[in-house]
Amino acid sequence: MIRYRTVGIPLVAAGLVIGAYFAPEQSDDPRPPAGVKVTQTTYGCPAGAGITVAAGQVSPGTTGTATVLPGKSTAKDLGGTRSWRTARVDGRGVLVEQQGRGSGPSGFFGSIAPKAGGSGLGVGSCSASVDAAWFLGLGSGVKHFSTVTLTNGTTAPAAVDLDLWGPDGKIDAVGAKGIVIKPHTTRRVQLEDLAAGEPELALRVLRRRGAVSAVVNDFSTAVFGGTEPVTATSAPRRSQVVGGLVSGASGRTLALLNPGTATARVEVDVIGSKSTFKPEGLGAIKVKGESVRLVEVPSTAGGARQALKVTSDVPVAATVRMAPNELDYAYAESVLPLSGPAIVPVSLGKGVSAPDLIVTAPRGTSSVQVFAYDKNMKQLGEFTMSIEGETTKHIDVAKKFTQKGIAYLVVQSKGEVVGAATYRDGGLVSSLALLSAPIRVLAPQVRPID
């Protein structure tokens, strides 16, 4: 869970009001919300056997602590604000609290799962506090299972509802409403305990009270074997871009959720390396109301690294499952374009090395700057690349940065850019969406009452 403290704004329920800042209610006051820098951030990460947790920031902060849940013991190796820190934590979760105006703290976790858990490589981001978070590509049976990790780092109880959809419609899941997370605890919910036997599911985590984060881990021992942390996809909308599709023309499946009651009519364009085009087989896709539909991405889309532009006449959510082989799979999610610098982990335990970056300019020509840093936050190098409008480009980090000791990257954009980092370890693969670090938020304009 991420909570923010900003200049001039009380801390009370700070983690809950951020969503309202981004989507303020309409009022007669003509003054728009103002951007302010975040001064305090708290985020939560899953922990446990085989999981490496990393803590970092865009620029040095002032103070930082890490607390293991449950029990509230100190994770000393993850504390501080002026370095890249990694550790394996003996607990169910860890909370990292950092102060520093506009420092942009971010957390990550990585692991290679045991055979019983899919044997795949997984790299994920620590979750923000959620009002509503949407996840696609999940399962609760037939060798495909998902677990939701809910973390409450505050002193008050929190509660969420879990809504589930499948190919046959919305699922009346027993015990999915009013799930309570006690203060300073982490609770794991296996989806098969709510609705067993569903190989394909979409999930919405809806906050009812308190402040809570949500991280989802997915694993399969079916044909598409492996494991993957699933990033929350954008809330249902009529137009969106799913960036970061790895190379390989086979094993790509587009998952679409239509939570409304009217049938959705969806069109899909491919944003490739040279242009945007409409491949045969991805036009006029119908998704029934309150249901999930899976669509195999045809070979006509090509096998290069790319993004998908999804448009619909009613709001839908979208994610792509990518299984380039039978050893492992990854997900590409629809996320918002970068609005600030994004941190990309490089040093994150066994199996995690320098990734490929897949970046897309869905509209006009844009550019990205990539900066490489060591664990002491010393810059080792930088690289700039232009991206023509409506195209996707690839950056091989290992070739662009040959310096030793790279711990993390910072990606900055000019123009509208979406993308992901792709990690590989032999036949294992994982994808991490590029998300802006928490540096600035929108705060409401306030004035005295006349």
Protein backbone atom coordinates (compact mmCIF):
# COMPACT_ATOMS: atom_id res chain seq x y z
CA MET A 1 0.00 0.00 0.00
CA ILE A 2 1.28 3.46 -0.81
CA ARG A 3 0.27 6.48 1.20
CA TYR A 4 1.37 9.99 0.35
CA ARG A 5 1.90 13.11 2.45
CA THR A 6 2.02 16.33 0.47
CA VAL A 7 2.86 19.91 1.34
CA GLY A 8 -0.16 21.71 2.76
CA ILE A 9 -2.35 18.57 2.98
CA PRO A 10 -3.13 16.73 6.23
CA LEU A 11 -1.88 13.14 6.50
CA VAL A 12 -5.28 11.85 7.66
CA ALA A 13 -6.40 9.23 5.13
CA ALA A 14 -3.72 10.50 2.74
CA GLY A 15 -3.47 7.17 0.99
CA LEU A 16 -7.21 7.22 0.32
CA VAL A 17 -7.61 10.68 -1.12
CA ILE A 18 -5.07 10.36 -3.90
CA GLY A 19 -7.59 8.75 -6.24
CA ALA A 20 -9.93 11.68 -5.65
CA TYR A 21 -7.13 14.07 -6.56
CA PHE A 22 -6.79 12.48 -9.95
CA ALA A 23 -10.54 12.47 -10.58
CA PRO A 24 -12.00 15.38 -8.61
CA GLU A 25 -15.73 15.91 -8.44
CA GLN A 26 -17.08 18.73 -10.57
CA SER A 27 -17.71 22.04 -8.82
CA ASP A 28 -18.56 25.63 -9.62
CA ASP A 29 -15.06 26.73 -8.59
CA PRO A 30 -13.15 27.44 -11.84
CA ARG A 31 -9.76 26.81 -10.22
CA PRO A 32 -8.36 23.40 -11.24
CA PRO A 33 -6.49 21.05 -8.87
CA ALA A 34 -2.87 22.03 -8.26
CA GLY A 35 0.16 19.76 -8.52
CA VAL A 36 2.12 19.32 -5.29
CA LYS A 37 5.16 17.20 -4.45
CA VAL A 38 4.78 14.12 -2.28
CA THR A 39 6.70 14.35 1.00
CA GLN A 40 5.95 10.98 2.63
CA THR A 41 5.33 7.60 1.02
CA THR A 42 4.49 4.18 2.43
CA TYR A 43 4.30 1.08 0.24
CA GLY A 44 3.82 -2.59 0.94
CA CYS A 45 5.42 -5.61 -0.74
CA PRO A 46 4.75 -9.33 -0.48
CA ALA A 47 7.56 -11.29 1.17
CA GLY A 48 8.45 -14.83 2.14
CA ALA A 49 10.58 -17.76 1.05
CA GLY A 50 12.48 -17.15 -2.18
CA ILE A 51 11.24 -13.56 -2.65
CA THR A 52 13.74 -10.70 -2.91
CA VAL A 53 12.39 -7.24 -2.07
CA ALA A 54 14.04 -4.07 -3.43
CA ALA A 55 13.59 -0.49 -2.24
CA GLY A 56 14.80 2.57 -4.12
CA GLN A 57 13.95 6.13 -5.14
CA VAL A 58 14.42 8.58 -7.96
CA SER A 59 16.34 11.05 -5.76
CA PRO A 60 17.58 10.76 -2.14
CA GLY A 61 15.04 11.23 0.62
CA THR A 62 15.53 12.23 4.25
CA THR A 63 14.48 9.21 6.36
CA GLY A 64 13.27 5.70 5.62
CA THR A 65 12.31 2.60 7.60
CA ALA A 66 11.11 -0.90 6.71
CA THR A 67 8.83 -3.02 8.90
CA VAL A 68 8.14 -6.75 8.58
CA LEU A 69 4.50 -7.92 8.81
CA PRO A 70 3.19 -9.41 10.96
CA GLY A 71 5.16 -8.72 14.14
CA LYS A 72 6.45 -5.27 13.15
CA SER A 73 10.14 -6.16 13.45
CA THR A 74 12.63 -3.98 11.56
CA ALA A 75 14.00 -4.98 8.15
CA LYS A 76 17.28 -3.08 8.50
CA ASP A 77 18.58 -3.94 5.03
CA LEU A 78 15.62 -2.16 3.40
CA GLY A 79 15.81 1.02 5.49
CA GLY A 80 17.44 4.27 4.40
CA THR A 81 16.88 6.65 1.49
CA ARG A 82 20.21 7.11 -0.29
CA SER A 83 20.87 3.74 -1.88
CA TRP A 84 19.32 0.80 -3.73
CA ARG A 85 18.49 -1.81 -1.07
CA THR A 86 17.60 -5.50 -1.49
CA ALA A 87 16.78 -8.17 1.07
CA ARG A 88 14.93 -11.41 1.66
CA VAL A 89 12.42 -10.86 4.43
CA ASP A 90 11.26 -13.57 6.84
CA GLY A 91 7.59 -12.58 6.96
CA ARG A 92 4.40 -12.34 4.91
CA GLY A 93 4.98 -8.76 3.87
CA VAL A 94 7.08 -5.66 4.40
CA LEU A 95 6.17 -1.96 4.70
CA VAL A 96 8.67 0.68 3.60
CA GLU A 97 8.09 4.23 4.83
CA GLN A 98 10.11 7.09 3.39
CA GLN A 99 10.19 10.85 3.80
CA GLY A 100 11.64 13.22 1.24
CA ARG A 101 9.93 15.86 -0.85
CA GLY A 102 9.53 14.60 -4.42
CA SER A 103 11.99 11.72 -3.95
CA GLY A 104 9.75 9.16 -5.71
CA PRO A 105 10.25 6.03 -3.57
CA SER A 106 9.33 2.75 -5.28
CA GLY A 107 9.47 -0.91 -4.29
CA PHE A 108 9.74 -4.16 -6.24
CA PHE A 109 9.92 -7.90 -5.65
CA GLY A 110 11.26 -10.83 -7.64
CA SER A 111 11.58 -14.60 -7.41
CA ILE A 112 11.84 -17.86 -9.30
CA ALA A 113 8.94 -20.03 -8.17
CA PRO A 114 9.36 -23.65 -7.10
CA LYS A 115 8.03 -26.41 -9.34
CA ALA A 116 4.78 -26.66 -7.39
CA GLY A 117 4.22 -22.95 -7.99
CA GLY A 118 4.82 -22.99 -11.75
CA SER A 119 8.65 -22.72 -11.79
CA GLY A 120 8.53 -19.33 -13.52
CA LEU A 121 10.34 -16.02 -13.15
CA GLY A 122 8.32 -13.21 -11.58
CA VAL A 123 9.16 -9.50 -11.20
CA GLY A 124 6.50 -7.20 -9.76
CA SER A 125 5.88 -3.71 -8.39
CA CYS A 126 4.79 -3.08 -4.82
CA SER A 127 1.20 -1.94 -4.82
CA ALA A 128 -0.35 1.46 -4.26
CA SER A 129 -3.31 1.94 -1.97
CA VAL A 130 -6.35 1.11 -4.07
CA ASP A 131 -9.90 2.35 -4.37
CA ALA A 132 -10.63 -0.08 -7.20
CA ALA A 133 -8.05 -2.30 -8.93
CA TRP A 134 -8.74 -4.52 -11.96
CA PHE A 135 -6.84 -7.73 -12.80
CA LEU A 136 -7.28 -10.00 -15.84
CA GLY A 137 -5.87 -13.40 -16.82
CA LEU A 138 -6.42 -15.06 -13.44
CA GLY A 139 -7.70 -18.53 -12.53
CA SER A 140 -9.09 -20.68 -9.72
CA GLY A 141 -8.73 -24.20 -11.01
CA VAL A 142 -7.79 -26.59 -13.86
CA LYS A 143 -4.07 -26.13 -13.09
CA HIS A 144 -4.36 -22.33 -13.13
CA PHE A 145 -4.49 -20.52 -9.78
CA SER A 146 -4.19 -16.96 -8.46
CA THR A 147 -3.60 -15.46 -5.02
CA VAL A 148 -4.45 -11.93 -3.89
CA THR A 149 -2.20 -10.41 -1.19
CA LEU A 150 -3.96 -7.65 0.76
CA THR A 151 -1.85 -5.45 3.04
CA ASN A 152 -3.04 -3.00 5.69
CA GLY A 153 -0.20 -0.90 7.10
CA THR A 154 -2.38 1.45 9.16
CA THR A 155 -3.70 1.32 12.74
CA ALA A 156 -7.35 0.93 11.63
CA PRO A 157 -9.05 -2.15 10.12
CA ALA A 158 -9.59 -2.21 6.35
CA ALA A 159 -12.16 -4.07 4.26
CA VAL A 160 -12.55 -4.90 0.56
CA ASP A 161 -15.00 -6.59 -1.77
CA LEU A 162 -13.73 -8.97 -4.46
CA ASP A 163 -15.80 -9.10 -7.67
CA LEU A 164 -15.18 -11.95 -10.12
CA TRP A 165 -16.14 -12.50 -13.77
CA GLY A 166 -15.65 -15.49 -16.06
CA PRO A 167 -16.45 -16.38 -19.69
CA ASP A 168 -20.00 -17.32 -18.65
CA GLY A 169 -20.72 -14.14 -16.70
CA LYS A 170 -20.34 -12.59 -13.29
CA ILE A 171 -19.65 -15.09 -10.51
CA ASP A 172 -21.54 -15.10 -7.22
CA ALA A 173 -18.49 -15.89 -5.08
CA VAL A 174 -19.18 -16.97 -1.52
CA GLY A 175 -17.21 -14.98 1.07
CA ALA A 176 -15.98 -12.36 -1.40
CA LYS A 177 -17.69 -9.37 0.25
CA GLY A 178 -16.45 -7.47 3.28
CA ILE A 179 -13.08 -9.21 3.57
CA VAL A 180 -11.39 -7.67 6.63
CA ILE A 181 -7.66 -6.98 6.90
CA LYS A 182 -6.58 -6.26 10.47
CA PRO A 183 -4.22 -3.37 11.25
CA HIS A 184 -0.56 -3.96 10.36
CA THR A 185 -1.25 -7.34 8.76
CA THR A 186 -1.13 -9.05 5.39
CA ARG A 187 -3.92 -11.38 4.28
CA ARG A 188 -3.68 -13.77 1.34
CA VAL A 189 -6.84 -14.85 -0.47
CA GLN A 190 -6.73 -17.77 -2.88
CA LEU A 191 -9.37 -17.38 -5.58
CA GLU A 192 -10.21 -21.09 -5.52
CA ASP A 193 -11.51 -20.55 -1.98
CA LEU A 194 -14.08 -18.12 -3.40
CA ALA A 195 -14.99 -19.71 -6.74
CA ALA A 196 -13.28 -23.01 -7.52
CA GLY A 197 -12.81 -24.59 -10.94
CA GLU A 198 -12.57 -21.43 -13.08
CA PRO A 199 -9.57 -21.52 -15.46
CA GLU A 200 -10.08 -17.91 -16.58
CA LEU A 201 -11.15 -15.03 -14.34
CA ALA A 202 -11.16 -11.24 -14.10
CA LEU A 203 -11.04 -9.61 -10.66
CA ARG A 204 -11.90 -6.23 -9.20
CA VAL A 205 -10.62 -5.34 -5.72
CA LEU A 206 -12.95 -2.67 -4.33
CA ARG A 207 -12.04 -0.81 -1.14
CA ARG A 208 -14.87 -0.48 1.38
CA ARG A 209 -13.04 1.12 4.29
CA GLY A 210 -9.53 1.82 5.50
CA ALA A 211 -6.41 1.78 3.33
CA VAL A 212 -5.28 -1.43 1.66
CA SER A 213 -2.94 -2.52 -1.14
CA ALA A 214 -3.48 -5.43 -3.51
CA VAL A 215 -0.84 -7.59 -5.22
CA VAL A 216 -1.87 -10.57 -7.35
CA ASN A 217 0.33 -13.56 -8.15
CA ASP A 218 -0.70 -16.02 -10.86
CA PHE A 219 0.71 -19.48 -11.58
CA SER A 220 -0.08 -22.34 -13.89
CA THR A 221 0.99 -25.93 -14.39
CA ALA A 222 -1.18 -26.24 -17.53
CA VAL A 223 0.09 -25.94 -21.12
CA PHE A 224 1.14 -22.34 -20.44
CA GLY A 225 3.19 -23.22 -17.37
CA GLY A 226 4.93 -20.66 -15.18
CA THR A 227 4.24 -17.86 -12.74
CA GLU A 228 3.78 -14.08 -12.91
CA PRO A 229 2.86 -11.16 -10.66
CA VAL A 230 -0.06 -9.40 -12.37
CA THR A 231 -0.07 -5.60 -12.50
CA ALA A 232 -3.46 -3.93 -12.15
CA THR A 233 -4.73 -2.97 -15.59
CA SER A 234 -6.45 0.31 -16.36
CA ALA A 235 -10.07 0.63 -15.29
CA PRO A 236 -12.52 -0.23 -18.11
CA ARG A 237 -12.45 2.38 -20.86
CA ARG A 238 -13.28 2.81 -24.54
CA SER A 239 -9.71 3.41 -25.75
CA GLN A 240 -6.47 2.05 -24.30
CA VAL A 241 -3.03 0.73 -25.20
CA VAL A 242 -1.58 -2.58 -23.99
CA GLY A 243 2.17 -2.06 -24.28
CA GLY A 244 5.18 -4.28 -23.83
CA LEU A 245 4.29 -7.37 -25.91
CA VAL A 246 7.39 -9.57 -26.11
CA SER A 247 8.66 -11.01 -29.40
CA GLY A 248 7.17 -14.21 -30.78
CA ALA A 249 4.06 -14.61 -32.92
CA SER A 250 2.63 -17.54 -30.95
CA GLY A 251 1.27 -17.84 -27.44
CA ARG A 252 -0.39 -14.41 -27.24
CA THR A 253 -3.91 -14.24 -25.82
CA LEU A 254 -5.90 -11.03 -25.41
CA ALA A 255 -8.20 -11.08 -22.37
CA LEU A 256 -11.13 -8.65 -22.44
CA LEU A 257 -13.53 -7.91 -19.59
CA ASN A 258 -16.87 -6.21 -20.21
CA PRO A 259 -18.31 -5.42 -16.76
CA GLY A 260 -21.36 -3.62 -18.18
CA THR A 261 -24.63 -5.16 -19.33
CA ALA A 262 -24.51 -4.20 -23.04
CA THR A 263 -22.47 -6.24 -25.54
CA ALA A 264 -19.13 -4.59 -26.36
CA ARG A 265 -17.83 -4.34 -29.92
CA VAL A 266 -14.04 -4.17 -29.88
CA GLU A 267 -11.48 -3.33 -32.55
CA VAL A 268 -7.74 -4.00 -32.13
CA ASP A 269 -4.85 -2.32 -33.94
CA VAL A 270 -1.19 -3.35 -33.72
CA ILE A 271 1.37 -0.61 -32.96
CA GLY A 272 4.46 -2.12 -34.55
CA SER A 273 8.04 -1.04 -35.13
CA LYS A 274 7.25 0.85 -38.34
CA SER A 275 3.55 1.70 -38.24
CA THR A 276 0.13 1.01 -36.77
CA PHE A 277 -2.02 -1.46 -38.69
CA LYS A 278 -5.16 -3.56 -38.32
CA PRO A 279 -4.34 -7.29 -38.62
CA GLU A 280 -6.82 -9.73 -40.05
CA GLY A 281 -8.70 -11.55 -37.30
CA LEU A 282 -8.79 -8.78 -34.69
CA GLY A 283 -11.74 -6.76 -35.96
CA ALA A 284 -15.34 -6.72 -34.76
CA ILE A 285 -14.73 -8.71 -31.56
CA LYS A 286 -17.92 -9.04 -29.48
CA VAL A 287 -17.77 -9.38 -25.70
CA LYS A 288 -21.04 -10.16 -23.95
CA GLY A 289 -22.08 -8.07 -20.99
CA GLU A 290 -20.68 -9.00 -17.55
CA SER A 291 -18.24 -11.52 -18.99
CA VAL A 292 -14.65 -12.27 -20.00
CA ARG A 293 -13.60 -13.19 -23.53
CA LEU A 294 -10.23 -14.60 -24.59
CA VAL A 295 -9.00 -13.93 -28.13
CA GLU A 296 -5.92 -15.54 -29.62
CA VAL A 297 -3.74 -12.89 -31.24
CA PRO A 298 -3.32 -14.21 -34.82
CA SER A 299 -0.03 -14.56 -36.67
CA THR A 300 -1.16 -11.71 -38.94
CA ALA A 301 -0.20 -9.39 -36.05
CA GLY A 302 3.45 -10.36 -36.60
CA GLY A 303 6.02 -11.58 -34.09
CA ALA A 304 7.95 -8.40 -33.31
CA ARG A 305 7.80 -6.51 -30.02
CA GLN A 306 4.67 -4.40 -30.21
CA ALA A 307 1.64 -2.90 -28.47
CA LEU A 308 -2.08 -3.33 -29.02
CA LYS A 309 -4.49 -0.41 -29.29
CA VAL A 310 -7.91 -1.53 -28.07
CA THR A 311 -11.03 0.52 -28.87
CA SER A 312 -14.59 -0.34 -27.92
CA ASP A 313 -18.05 1.19 -28.04
CA VAL A 314 -18.51 0.52 -24.30
CA PRO A 315 -15.82 0.46 -21.57
CA VAL A 316 -13.73 -2.73 -21.36
CA ALA A 317 -10.56 -3.77 -19.55
CA ALA A 318 -7.71 -5.49 -21.42
CA THR A 319 -4.59 -7.57 -20.73
CA VAL A 320 -2.43 -9.83 -22.91
CA ARG A 321 -1.02 -13.17 -21.72
CA MET A 322 2.28 -13.96 -23.48
CA ALA A 323 3.57 -17.55 -23.47
CA PRO A 324 6.56 -17.64 -25.83
CA ASN A 325 7.30 -21.23 -24.73
CA GLU A 326 5.90 -23.91 -22.41
CA LEU A 327 8.26 -23.03 -19.55
CA ASP A 328 6.89 -19.65 -18.50
CA TYR A 329 4.54 -16.81 -19.38
CA ALA A 330 4.09 -13.11 -18.69
CA TYR A 331 1.37 -10.47 -18.82
CA ALA A 332 1.20 -7.12 -20.61
CA GLU A 333 -1.31 -4.76 -19.05
CA SER A 334 -3.00 -1.56 -20.12
CA VAL A 335 -1.45 1.24 -18.01
CA LEU A 336 -1.48 5.02 -18.21
CA PRO A 337 1.27 6.83 -20.16
CA LEU A 338 4.24 7.97 -18.08
CA SER A 339 3.65 11.27 -16.31
CA GLY A 340 7.06 11.30 -14.59
CA PRO A 341 10.18 9.14 -14.14
CA ALA A 342 9.78 5.38 -13.77
CA ILE A 343 12.19 3.12 -11.88
CA VAL A 344 13.19 -0.23 -13.43
CA PRO A 345 14.96 -2.75 -11.16
CA VAL A 346 18.10 -4.52 -12.39
CA SER A 347 19.59 -5.88 -9.14
CA LEU A 348 16.75 -7.96 -7.69
CA GLY A 349 18.13 -11.34 -6.68
CA LYS A 350 18.69 -14.60 -8.52
CA GLY A 351 17.39 -14.79 -12.08
CA VAL A 352 16.91 -11.03 -12.53
CA SER A 353 19.35 -9.22 -14.81
CA ALA A 354 19.29 -6.25 -17.18
CA PRO A 355 15.92 -6.26 -19.00
CA ASP A 356 14.81 -5.23 -22.46
CA LEU A 357 12.67 -2.09 -22.59
CA ILE A 358 9.70 -2.01 -24.97
CA VAL A 359 8.36 1.52 -25.41
CA THR A 360 5.47 2.79 -27.53
CA ALA A 361 4.41 6.26 -28.68
CA PRO A 362 0.68 5.69 -29.31
CA ARG A 363 0.09 9.21 -30.68
CA GLY A 364 2.71 11.76 -31.73
CA THR A 365 6.48 11.41 -31.91
CA SER A 366 7.99 11.10 -28.41
CA SER A 367 11.31 10.21 -26.79
CA VAL A 368 12.72 8.40 -23.77
CA GLN A 369 15.85 8.95 -21.71
CA VAL A 370 17.22 5.99 -19.77
CA PHE A 371 19.67 6.57 -16.90
CA ALA A 372 21.65 3.73 -15.26
CA TYR A 373 22.65 3.88 -11.57
CA ASP A 374 24.64 1.73 -9.16
CA LYS A 375 23.44 0.75 -5.69
CA ASN A 376 24.87 3.99 -4.24
CA MET A 377 22.73 6.06 -6.65
CA LYS A 378 25.75 7.08 -8.72
CA GLN A 379 24.88 7.59 -12.38
CA LEU A 380 26.81 5.21 -14.64
CA GLY A 381 25.43 6.18 -18.04
CA GLU A 382 22.48 7.45 -20.07
CA PHE A 383 20.82 6.80 -23.40
CA THR A 384 18.22 8.77 -25.40
CA MET A 385 15.97 7.44 -28.15
CA SER A 386 13.26 9.02 -30.28
CA ILE A 387 10.03 7.10 -30.97
CA GLU A 388 8.04 7.99 -34.05
CA GLY A 389 4.33 8.48 -33.49
CA GLU A 390 2.24 5.27 -33.55
CA THR A 391 5.29 2.98 -33.39
CA THR A 392 7.00 0.70 -30.85
CA LYS A 393 10.75 0.57 -30.18
CA HIS A 394 13.05 -1.80 -28.32
CA ILE A 395 16.04 -0.99 -26.08
CA ASP A 396 18.48 -3.79 -25.21
CA VAL A 397 19.75 -2.49 -21.87
CA ALA A 398 22.66 -4.94 -21.64
CA LYS A 399 24.05 -3.65 -24.96
CA LYS A 400 23.37 0.03 -24.32
CA PHE A 401 24.91 -0.05 -20.82
CA THR A 402 28.04 -2.18 -20.49
CA GLN A 403 29.14 -0.75 -17.13
CA LYS A 404 29.37 -3.17 -14.21
CA GLY A 405 27.32 -2.80 -11.06
CA ILE A 406 24.06 -1.41 -12.48
CA ALA A 407 21.37 -1.66 -9.78
CA TYR A 408 18.45 0.12 -11.40
CA LEU A 409 17.34 2.35 -14.27
CA VAL A 410 15.30 5.53 -14.36
CA VAL A 411 13.18 6.07 -17.49
CA GLN A 412 11.94 9.56 -18.38
CA SER A 413 9.72 10.44 -21.32
CA LYS A 414 8.87 13.43 -23.46
CA GLY A 415 5.49 13.09 -25.09
CA GLU A 416 3.05 10.21 -24.54
CA VAL A 417 4.86 6.92 -23.86
CA VAL A 418 3.72 3.53 -22.53
CA GLY A 419 5.95 0.52 -22.06
CA ALA A 420 7.32 -2.37 -20.05
CA ALA A 421 10.56 -4.04 -19.02
CA THR A 422 11.03 -7.67 -20.10
CA TYR A 423 13.19 -9.97 -17.95
CA ARG A 424 14.53 -13.33 -19.14
CA ASP A 425 16.45 -16.16 -17.50
CA GLY A 426 16.94 -18.88 -20.09
CA GLY A 427 13.41 -19.87 -21.12
CA LEU A 428 11.83 -18.01 -18.20
CA VAL A 429 10.21 -14.62 -18.78
CA SER A 430 8.56 -11.82 -16.80
CA SER A 431 7.19 -8.41 -17.77
CA LEU A 432 7.02 -5.30 -15.58
CA ALA A 433 4.85 -2.37 -16.70
CA LEU A 434 6.50 1.06 -16.57
CA LEU A 435 4.74 3.05 -13.84
CA SER A 436 5.51 6.62 -12.83
CA ALA A 437 7.19 6.97 -9.43
CA PRO A 438 5.18 8.90 -6.78
CA ILE A 439 6.69 12.39 -7.08
CA ARG A 440 3.71 14.68 -7.65
CA VAL A 441 -0.04 14.37 -7.05
CA LEU A 442 -2.99 16.62 -7.79
CA ALA A 443 -4.40 18.39 -4.74
CA PRO A 444 -7.66 20.35 -4.61
CA GLN A 445 -7.59 24.14 -4.50
CA VAL A 446 -9.00 25.33 -1.15
CA ARG A 447 -10.20 28.75 0.00
CA PRO A 448 -12.01 30.16 3.04
CA ILE A 449 -15.81 29.99 3.03
CA ASP A 450 -17.35 33.45 2.55
